[in-house]
Amino acid sequence: MPEIRVVSERCVACGDCVSLCPQSGSDVALPVLVLAENGQVEVADPRGCICCFTCVEFCRSAAIMITGALPAAEGQPDVYPTRPVSRII
């Protein structure tokens, strides 16, 4: 199971990660990420994470980290290639 961490000092509470995550949102029974009442993004249920890294890729403040994810199967293309970060918005 991956370990998902949201660095609260970096999080700008934009909610992009929650809206873009295929395993989060209002239509998911056990969402991985939720926007808490205090405005910060929190990890609700990491067991539902499929390690697509969409939240990491689109986090404008680089506040989400996923560790312990299994590598892609051999011969499987990299669906979400990493992009270089030139600046933090």
N, C-alpha and C. Protein backbone atom coordinates (compact mmCIF):
# COMPACT_ATOMS: atom_id res chain seq x y z
N MET A 1 0.85 -1.17 0.00
CA MET A 1 0.00 0.00 0.00
C MET A 1 0.90 1.24 0.00
N PRO A 2 0.61 2.21 -0.86
CA PRO A 2 1.43 3.41 -0.91
C PRO A 2 1.18 4.31 0.30
N GLU A 3 2.18 5.07 0.64
CA GLU A 3 2.04 6.06 1.69
C GLU A 3 1.90 7.42 1.02
N ILE A 4 0.78 8.09 1.27
CA ILE A 4 0.51 9.39 0.68
C ILE A 4 0.63 10.43 1.77
N ARG A 5 1.40 11.48 1.47
CA ARG A 5 1.60 12.53 2.47
C ARG A 5 1.33 13.88 1.84
N VAL A 6 0.55 14.71 2.52
CA VAL A 6 0.29 16.08 2.08
C VAL A 6 1.03 17.00 3.04
N VAL A 7 1.98 17.77 2.52
CA VAL A 7 2.76 18.69 3.34
C VAL A 7 1.91 19.94 3.53
N SER A 8 1.37 20.10 4.73
CA SER A 8 0.42 21.19 4.99
C SER A 8 1.05 22.57 4.85
N GLU A 9 2.36 22.67 5.08
CA GLU A 9 3.03 23.97 4.95
C GLU A 9 3.08 24.42 3.49
N ARG A 10 3.07 23.47 2.56
CA ARG A 10 3.12 23.80 1.13
C ARG A 10 1.74 23.90 0.49
N CYS A 11 0.78 23.17 1.01
CA CYS A 11 -0.55 23.08 0.41
C CYS A 11 -1.23 24.45 0.38
N VAL A 12 -1.72 24.82 -0.81
CA VAL A 12 -2.42 26.10 -0.96
C VAL A 12 -3.93 25.91 -0.98
N ALA A 13 -4.39 24.69 -0.73
CA ALA A 13 -5.81 24.34 -0.62
C ALA A 13 -6.60 24.71 -1.87
N CYS A 14 -5.99 24.47 -3.04
CA CYS A 14 -6.69 24.77 -4.30
C CYS A 14 -7.72 23.70 -4.62
N GLY A 15 -7.49 22.46 -4.16
CA GLY A 15 -8.41 21.36 -4.41
C GLY A 15 -8.24 20.68 -5.75
N ASP A 16 -7.22 21.06 -6.52
CA ASP A 16 -6.98 20.42 -7.82
C ASP A 16 -6.76 18.93 -7.68
N CYS A 17 -6.00 18.52 -6.68
CA CYS A 17 -5.70 17.10 -6.49
C CYS A 17 -6.97 16.31 -6.22
N VAL A 18 -7.88 16.87 -5.46
CA VAL A 18 -9.13 16.18 -5.13
C VAL A 18 -10.01 16.06 -6.37
N SER A 19 -10.07 17.12 -7.17
CA SER A 19 -10.94 17.09 -8.33
C SER A 19 -10.36 16.25 -9.47
N LEU A 20 -9.04 16.13 -9.57
CA LEU A 20 -8.41 15.37 -10.65
C LEU A 20 -8.17 13.90 -10.32
N CYS A 21 -8.11 13.56 -9.07
CA CYS A 21 -7.86 12.17 -8.66
C CYS A 21 -9.03 11.28 -9.07
N PRO A 22 -8.76 10.19 -9.81
CA PRO A 22 -9.86 9.30 -10.21
C PRO A 22 -10.46 8.54 -9.04
N GLN A 23 -9.78 8.51 -7.90
CA GLN A 23 -10.25 7.79 -6.73
C GLN A 23 -10.74 8.74 -5.64
N SER A 24 -11.02 9.99 -5.98
CA SER A 24 -11.52 10.96 -5.00
C SER A 24 -12.69 11.72 -5.61
N GLY A 25 -13.32 12.53 -4.81
CA GLY A 25 -14.46 13.32 -5.28
C GLY A 25 -15.74 12.90 -4.61
N SER A 26 -16.79 13.61 -4.93
CA SER A 26 -18.07 13.37 -4.27
C SER A 26 -18.75 12.08 -4.71
N ASP A 27 -18.40 11.55 -5.89
CA ASP A 27 -19.05 10.35 -6.38
C ASP A 27 -18.34 9.05 -5.99
N VAL A 28 -17.27 9.16 -5.18
CA VAL A 28 -16.51 7.98 -4.74
C VAL A 28 -16.88 7.67 -3.29
N ALA A 29 -17.16 6.40 -3.02
CA ALA A 29 -17.60 5.99 -1.68
C ALA A 29 -16.50 6.19 -0.63
N LEU A 30 -15.26 5.77 -0.92
CA LEU A 30 -14.14 5.93 0.00
C LEU A 30 -13.04 6.71 -0.70
N PRO A 31 -13.13 8.04 -0.73
CA PRO A 31 -12.14 8.84 -1.45
C PRO A 31 -10.76 8.80 -0.81
N VAL A 32 -9.74 8.89 -1.66
CA VAL A 32 -8.37 8.92 -1.17
C VAL A 32 -8.05 10.29 -0.58
N LEU A 33 -8.36 11.35 -1.30
CA LEU A 33 -8.09 12.72 -0.85
C LEU A 33 -9.40 13.46 -0.64
N VAL A 34 -9.44 14.29 0.39
CA VAL A 34 -10.62 15.12 0.66
C VAL A 34 -10.16 16.52 1.02
N LEU A 35 -11.02 17.48 0.73
CA LEU A 35 -10.78 18.86 1.14
C LEU A 35 -11.48 19.04 2.47
N ALA A 36 -10.71 19.18 3.54
CA ALA A 36 -11.25 19.23 4.90
C ALA A 36 -11.95 20.56 5.15
N GLU A 37 -12.67 20.63 6.24
CA GLU A 37 -13.40 21.84 6.59
C GLU A 37 -12.47 23.01 6.89
N ASN A 38 -11.23 22.71 7.31
CA ASN A 38 -10.27 23.79 7.59
C ASN A 38 -9.62 24.30 6.31
N GLY A 39 -10.01 23.73 5.16
CA GLY A 39 -9.50 24.19 3.88
C GLY A 39 -8.29 23.44 3.37
N GLN A 40 -7.71 22.57 4.16
CA GLN A 40 -6.52 21.82 3.76
C GLN A 40 -6.92 20.48 3.15
N VAL A 41 -6.07 19.98 2.28
CA VAL A 41 -6.27 18.66 1.68
C VAL A 41 -5.75 17.62 2.66
N GLU A 42 -6.53 16.56 2.85
CA GLU A 42 -6.14 15.50 3.76
C GLU A 42 -6.30 14.15 3.07
N VAL A 43 -5.51 13.18 3.51
CA VAL A 43 -5.61 11.82 3.01
C VAL A 43 -6.68 11.11 3.83
N ALA A 44 -7.75 10.69 3.17
CA ALA A 44 -8.85 10.03 3.86
C ALA A 44 -8.66 8.53 3.92
N ASP A 45 -8.40 7.90 2.76
CA ASP A 45 -8.27 6.44 2.70
C ASP A 45 -7.22 6.06 1.66
N PRO A 46 -5.96 5.88 2.06
CA PRO A 46 -4.91 5.57 1.10
C PRO A 46 -5.05 4.20 0.44
N ARG A 47 -5.89 3.32 0.98
CA ARG A 47 -6.08 1.99 0.40
C ARG A 47 -6.69 2.05 -0.99
N GLY A 48 -7.40 3.11 -1.30
CA GLY A 48 -8.04 3.24 -2.60
C GLY A 48 -7.13 3.80 -3.68
N CYS A 49 -5.92 4.21 -3.31
CA CYS A 49 -4.99 4.81 -4.26
C CYS A 49 -4.53 3.79 -5.30
N ILE A 50 -4.60 4.17 -6.57
CA ILE A 50 -4.15 3.28 -7.65
C ILE A 50 -2.77 3.70 -8.16
N CYS A 51 -2.13 4.62 -7.48
CA CYS A 51 -0.77 5.08 -7.80
C CYS A 51 -0.65 5.60 -9.23
N CYS A 52 -1.60 6.41 -9.65
CA CYS A 52 -1.53 7.01 -10.98
C CYS A 52 -0.69 8.29 -10.96
N PHE A 53 -0.43 8.82 -9.78
CA PHE A 53 0.39 10.00 -9.56
C PHE A 53 -0.20 11.28 -10.18
N THR A 54 -1.49 11.28 -10.47
CA THR A 54 -2.13 12.48 -11.00
C THR A 54 -2.08 13.61 -9.99
N CYS A 55 -2.31 13.31 -8.74
CA CYS A 55 -2.28 14.35 -7.70
C CYS A 55 -0.90 14.97 -7.59
N VAL A 56 0.13 14.14 -7.69
CA VAL A 56 1.51 14.63 -7.60
C VAL A 56 1.83 15.51 -8.81
N GLU A 57 1.45 15.06 -9.99
CA GLU A 57 1.76 15.78 -11.23
C GLU A 57 1.10 17.15 -11.29
N PHE A 58 -0.14 17.25 -10.82
CA PHE A 58 -0.88 18.49 -10.97
C PHE A 58 -0.92 19.36 -9.73
N CYS A 59 -0.22 18.96 -8.68
CA CYS A 59 -0.16 19.80 -7.48
C CYS A 59 0.70 21.02 -7.77
N ARG A 60 0.09 22.18 -7.74
CA ARG A 60 0.80 23.41 -8.11
C ARG A 60 1.84 23.84 -7.09
N SER A 61 1.80 23.28 -5.90
CA SER A 61 2.78 23.66 -4.88
C SER A 61 3.67 22.50 -4.44
N ALA A 62 3.62 21.40 -5.17
CA ALA A 62 4.43 20.22 -4.87
C ALA A 62 4.26 19.77 -3.41
N ALA A 63 3.01 19.72 -2.97
CA ALA A 63 2.72 19.40 -1.58
C ALA A 63 2.38 17.93 -1.34
N ILE A 64 2.22 17.15 -2.41
CA ILE A 64 1.83 15.75 -2.25
C ILE A 64 2.99 14.84 -2.60
N MET A 65 3.23 13.87 -1.73
CA MET A 65 4.29 12.89 -1.96
C MET A 65 3.72 11.49 -1.79
N ILE A 66 4.07 10.60 -2.70
CA ILE A 66 3.65 9.20 -2.62
C ILE A 66 4.90 8.35 -2.57
N THR A 67 5.01 7.53 -1.53
CA THR A 67 6.14 6.61 -1.40
C THR A 67 5.60 5.20 -1.23
N GLY A 68 6.43 4.24 -1.56
CA GLY A 68 6.04 2.85 -1.38
C GLY A 68 5.15 2.32 -2.49
N ALA A 69 5.04 3.05 -3.61
CA ALA A 69 4.23 2.59 -4.73
C ALA A 69 4.98 1.50 -5.47
N LEU A 70 4.26 0.54 -5.95
CA LEU A 70 4.87 -0.54 -6.73
C LEU A 70 5.25 -0.02 -8.11
N PRO A 71 6.38 -0.43 -8.65
CA PRO A 71 6.76 0.00 -9.99
C PRO A 71 5.81 -0.59 -11.04
N ALA A 72 5.74 0.06 -12.20
CA ALA A 72 4.89 -0.43 -13.27
C ALA A 72 5.39 -1.80 -13.73
N ALA A 73 4.49 -2.59 -14.24
CA ALA A 73 4.86 -3.92 -14.73
C ALA A 73 5.87 -3.79 -15.87
N GLU A 74 6.72 -4.78 -16.00
CA GLU A 74 7.75 -4.74 -17.02
C GLU A 74 7.13 -4.65 -18.41
N GLY A 75 7.63 -3.73 -19.22
CA GLY A 75 7.12 -3.55 -20.57
C GLY A 75 5.92 -2.64 -20.66
N GLN A 76 5.42 -2.18 -19.53
CA GLN A 76 4.27 -1.29 -19.53
C GLN A 76 4.75 0.14 -19.71
N PRO A 77 4.13 0.90 -20.63
CA PRO A 77 4.59 2.28 -20.84
C PRO A 77 4.30 3.17 -19.65
N ASP A 78 5.08 4.21 -19.50
CA ASP A 78 4.89 5.17 -18.43
C ASP A 78 3.72 6.08 -18.81
N VAL A 79 2.57 5.86 -18.19
CA VAL A 79 1.37 6.59 -18.55
C VAL A 79 1.45 8.06 -18.13
N TYR A 80 2.04 8.29 -16.99
CA TYR A 80 2.14 9.65 -16.48
C TYR A 80 3.62 10.00 -16.33
N PRO A 81 4.26 10.42 -17.41
CA PRO A 81 5.68 10.77 -17.30
C PRO A 81 5.86 12.00 -16.41
N THR A 82 6.97 12.05 -15.76
CA THR A 82 7.23 13.19 -14.90
C THR A 82 7.61 14.39 -15.73
N ARG A 83 7.36 15.55 -15.19
CA ARG A 83 7.70 16.77 -15.89
C ARG A 83 8.65 17.57 -15.03
N PRO A 84 9.61 18.27 -15.64
CA PRO A 84 10.51 19.08 -14.85
C PRO A 84 9.78 20.28 -14.26
N VAL A 85 10.10 20.62 -13.05
CA VAL A 85 9.49 21.76 -12.39
C VAL A 85 10.48 22.91 -12.42
N SER A 86 10.08 24.00 -13.05
CA SER A 86 10.96 25.16 -13.14
C SER A 86 10.69 26.18 -12.03
N ARG A 87 9.44 26.15 -11.53
CA ARG A 87 9.10 27.07 -10.45
C ARG A 87 7.83 26.60 -9.75
N ILE A 88 7.65 27.04 -8.55
CA ILE A 88 6.45 26.72 -7.80
C ILE A 88 5.57 27.95 -7.81
N ILE A 89 4.34 27.75 -8.19
CA ILE A 89 3.40 28.89 -8.31
C ILE A 89 2.90 29.26 -6.93
